Amino acid sequence: MEIRLKQVRESKGLSQYELAQNSGMSPQNIQKLEQGRAKGIQLDTLDALCDALGCEIQEILVRVLA
């Protein structure tokens, strides 16, 4: 799986800080997710990000075939 959070966030014209504020997350956690340094993502976190971005889960999580 690939997390395309940065691409979706930028397409909505939001900064990491704005997304953090809108989703209830810390800017540091947003940064970790965007840089691929997070070990995983909880479903409630993914839901909060989708709400804040006005998008669907499949826009953020993309299955990459090897």
N, C-alpha and C. Protein backbone atom coordinates (compact mmCIF):
# COMPACT_ATOMS: atom_id res chain seq x y z
N MET A 1 0.84 -1.19 0.00
CA MET A 1 0.00 0.00 0.00
C MET A 1 0.88 1.24 0.00
N GLU A 2 0.36 2.26 -0.62
CA GLU A 2 1.06 3.54 -0.66
C GLU A 2 0.12 4.60 -0.09
N ILE A 3 0.67 5.45 0.77
CA ILE A 3 -0.11 6.55 1.35
C ILE A 3 0.17 7.80 0.52
N ARG A 4 -0.86 8.31 -0.13
CA ARG A 4 -0.72 9.49 -0.99
C ARG A 4 -1.30 10.73 -0.33
N LEU A 5 -1.05 10.84 0.95
CA LEU A 5 -1.61 11.95 1.72
C LEU A 5 -1.10 13.30 1.22
N LYS A 6 0.18 13.40 0.95
CA LYS A 6 0.74 14.68 0.52
C LYS A 6 0.10 15.16 -0.78
N GLN A 7 -0.06 14.26 -1.74
CA GLN A 7 -0.65 14.64 -3.02
C GLN A 7 -2.08 15.13 -2.84
N VAL A 8 -2.86 14.42 -2.02
CA VAL A 8 -4.25 14.81 -1.80
C VAL A 8 -4.31 16.14 -1.05
N ARG A 9 -3.48 16.28 -0.01
CA ARG A 9 -3.45 17.52 0.77
C ARG A 9 -3.11 18.71 -0.11
N GLU A 10 -2.07 18.56 -0.93
CA GLU A 10 -1.66 19.66 -1.80
C GLU A 10 -2.72 19.99 -2.85
N SER A 11 -3.42 18.97 -3.33
CA SER A 11 -4.48 19.22 -4.32
C SER A 11 -5.64 20.01 -3.72
N LYS A 12 -5.79 19.93 -2.40
CA LYS A 12 -6.85 20.67 -1.70
C LYS A 12 -6.36 22.03 -1.23
N GLY A 13 -5.07 22.32 -1.45
CA GLY A 13 -4.51 23.63 -1.09
C GLY A 13 -4.30 23.82 0.40
N LEU A 14 -4.07 22.73 1.13
CA LEU A 14 -3.87 22.82 2.58
C LEU A 14 -2.40 22.61 2.94
N SER A 15 -1.97 23.30 3.99
CA SER A 15 -0.64 23.05 4.55
C SER A 15 -0.73 21.87 5.51
N GLN A 16 0.42 21.35 5.91
CA GLN A 16 0.43 20.28 6.90
C GLN A 16 -0.22 20.77 8.20
N TYR A 17 0.08 22.01 8.57
CA TYR A 17 -0.48 22.56 9.80
C TYR A 17 -2.00 22.66 9.72
N GLU A 18 -2.53 23.13 8.60
CA GLU A 18 -3.98 23.25 8.44
C GLU A 18 -4.65 21.88 8.49
N LEU A 19 -4.05 20.89 7.84
CA LEU A 19 -4.60 19.55 7.87
C LEU A 19 -4.58 18.99 9.29
N ALA A 20 -3.50 19.25 10.00
CA ALA A 20 -3.40 18.79 11.39
C ALA A 20 -4.51 19.41 12.23
N GLN A 21 -4.72 20.69 12.09
CA GLN A 21 -5.77 21.38 12.84
C GLN A 21 -7.15 20.83 12.49
N ASN A 22 -7.41 20.62 11.21
CA ASN A 22 -8.72 20.15 10.76
C ASN A 22 -9.00 18.69 11.10
N SER A 23 -7.95 17.90 11.27
CA SER A 23 -8.13 16.47 11.53
C SER A 23 -7.92 16.09 12.99
N GLY A 24 -7.43 17.03 13.80
CA GLY A 24 -7.17 16.72 15.21
C GLY A 24 -5.87 15.97 15.43
N MET A 25 -5.00 15.98 14.44
CA MET A 25 -3.71 15.31 14.55
C MET A 25 -2.62 16.35 14.77
N SER A 26 -1.44 15.89 15.12
CA SER A 26 -0.31 16.81 15.26
C SER A 26 0.36 16.98 13.89
N PRO A 27 0.97 18.14 13.66
CA PRO A 27 1.70 18.33 12.40
C PRO A 27 2.82 17.29 12.23
N GLN A 28 3.41 16.86 13.34
CA GLN A 28 4.47 15.86 13.28
C GLN A 28 3.95 14.53 12.73
N ASN A 29 2.74 14.14 13.14
CA ASN A 29 2.16 12.90 12.64
C ASN A 29 1.80 12.99 11.16
N ILE A 30 1.32 14.15 10.75
CA ILE A 30 1.04 14.37 9.32
C ILE A 30 2.34 14.22 8.54
N GLN A 31 3.39 14.82 9.04
CA GLN A 31 4.69 14.76 8.38
C GLN A 31 5.20 13.32 8.28
N LYS A 32 5.07 12.56 9.36
CA LYS A 32 5.50 11.15 9.35
C LYS A 32 4.74 10.35 8.30
N LEU A 33 3.43 10.55 8.23
CA LEU A 33 2.63 9.84 7.24
C LEU A 33 3.05 10.21 5.83
N GLU A 34 3.27 11.49 5.59
CA GLU A 34 3.63 11.94 4.25
C GLU A 34 5.02 11.46 3.83
N GLN A 35 5.91 11.32 4.79
CA GLN A 35 7.28 10.90 4.49
C GLN A 35 7.45 9.38 4.52
N GLY A 36 6.38 8.66 4.81
CA GLY A 36 6.46 7.21 4.84
C GLY A 36 7.17 6.65 6.06
N ARG A 37 7.26 7.45 7.11
CA ARG A 37 7.95 7.01 8.33
C ARG A 37 7.01 6.41 9.36
N ALA A 38 5.71 6.43 9.08
CA ALA A 38 4.73 5.85 10.01
C ALA A 38 4.69 4.34 9.79
N LYS A 39 4.60 3.59 10.85
CA LYS A 39 4.57 2.13 10.76
C LYS A 39 3.20 1.63 10.29
N GLY A 40 2.17 2.45 10.46
CA GLY A 40 0.82 2.09 10.07
C GLY A 40 -0.10 3.27 10.29
N ILE A 41 -1.36 3.06 9.95
CA ILE A 41 -2.35 4.11 10.15
C ILE A 41 -3.64 3.47 10.65
N GLN A 42 -4.18 4.02 11.72
CA GLN A 42 -5.42 3.48 12.29
C GLN A 42 -6.61 3.94 11.46
N LEU A 43 -7.65 3.13 11.46
CA LEU A 43 -8.83 3.46 10.67
C LEU A 43 -9.49 4.76 11.11
N ASP A 44 -9.52 5.03 12.41
CA ASP A 44 -10.14 6.28 12.85
C ASP A 44 -9.30 7.49 12.43
N THR A 45 -7.99 7.33 12.35
CA THR A 45 -7.12 8.39 11.86
C THR A 45 -7.36 8.62 10.38
N LEU A 46 -7.46 7.55 9.63
CA LEU A 46 -7.74 7.64 8.20
C LEU A 46 -9.09 8.31 7.95
N ASP A 47 -10.06 7.98 8.76
CA ASP A 47 -11.39 8.58 8.64
C ASP A 47 -11.33 10.08 8.92
N ALA A 48 -10.59 10.48 9.96
CA ALA A 48 -10.45 11.90 10.30
C ALA A 48 -9.75 12.66 9.17
N LEU A 49 -8.74 12.05 8.57
CA LEU A 49 -8.05 12.69 7.45
C LEU A 49 -8.99 12.86 6.26
N CYS A 50 -9.77 11.83 5.96
CA CYS A 50 -10.72 11.91 4.85
C CYS A 50 -11.77 13.00 5.10
N ASP A 51 -12.25 13.10 6.33
CA ASP A 51 -13.21 14.16 6.66
C ASP A 51 -12.59 15.53 6.46
N ALA A 52 -11.36 15.70 6.94
CA ALA A 52 -10.68 16.99 6.85
C ALA A 52 -10.37 17.37 5.40
N LEU A 53 -10.10 16.37 4.57
CA LEU A 53 -9.74 16.62 3.18
C LEU A 53 -10.92 16.56 2.22
N GLY A 54 -12.06 16.07 2.70
CA GLY A 54 -13.22 15.93 1.83
C GLY A 54 -12.95 14.93 0.72
N CYS A 55 -12.35 13.81 1.09
CA CYS A 55 -12.01 12.81 0.08
C CYS A 55 -12.42 11.42 0.55
N GLU A 56 -12.20 10.44 -0.30
CA GLU A 56 -12.48 9.05 0.03
C GLU A 56 -11.18 8.33 0.37
N ILE A 57 -11.30 7.25 1.11
CA ILE A 57 -10.13 6.49 1.56
C ILE A 57 -9.24 6.08 0.39
N GLN A 58 -9.84 5.65 -0.71
CA GLN A 58 -9.05 5.16 -1.83
C GLN A 58 -8.23 6.26 -2.51
N GLU A 59 -8.50 7.52 -2.19
CA GLU A 59 -7.67 8.60 -2.71
C GLU A 59 -6.37 8.72 -1.90
N ILE A 60 -6.41 8.30 -0.65
CA ILE A 60 -5.23 8.38 0.22
C ILE A 60 -4.44 7.08 0.20
N LEU A 61 -5.14 5.96 0.33
CA LEU A 61 -4.48 4.66 0.31
C LEU A 61 -4.64 4.03 -1.06
N VAL A 62 -3.52 3.71 -1.67
CA VAL A 62 -3.53 3.14 -3.01
C VAL A 62 -2.76 1.82 -2.97
N ARG A 63 -3.38 0.80 -3.50
CA ARG A 63 -2.73 -0.50 -3.55
C ARG A 63 -1.73 -0.51 -4.71
N VAL A 64 -0.50 -0.83 -4.41
CA VAL A 64 0.54 -0.88 -5.42
C VAL A 64 0.90 -2.34 -5.67
N LEU A 65 0.73 -2.75 -6.91
CA LEU A 65 1.06 -4.13 -7.26
C LEU A 65 2.53 -4.25 -7.57
N ALA A 66 3.13 -5.30 -7.05
CA ALA A 66 4.57 -5.50 -7.26
C ALA A 66 4.87 -6.09 -8.61
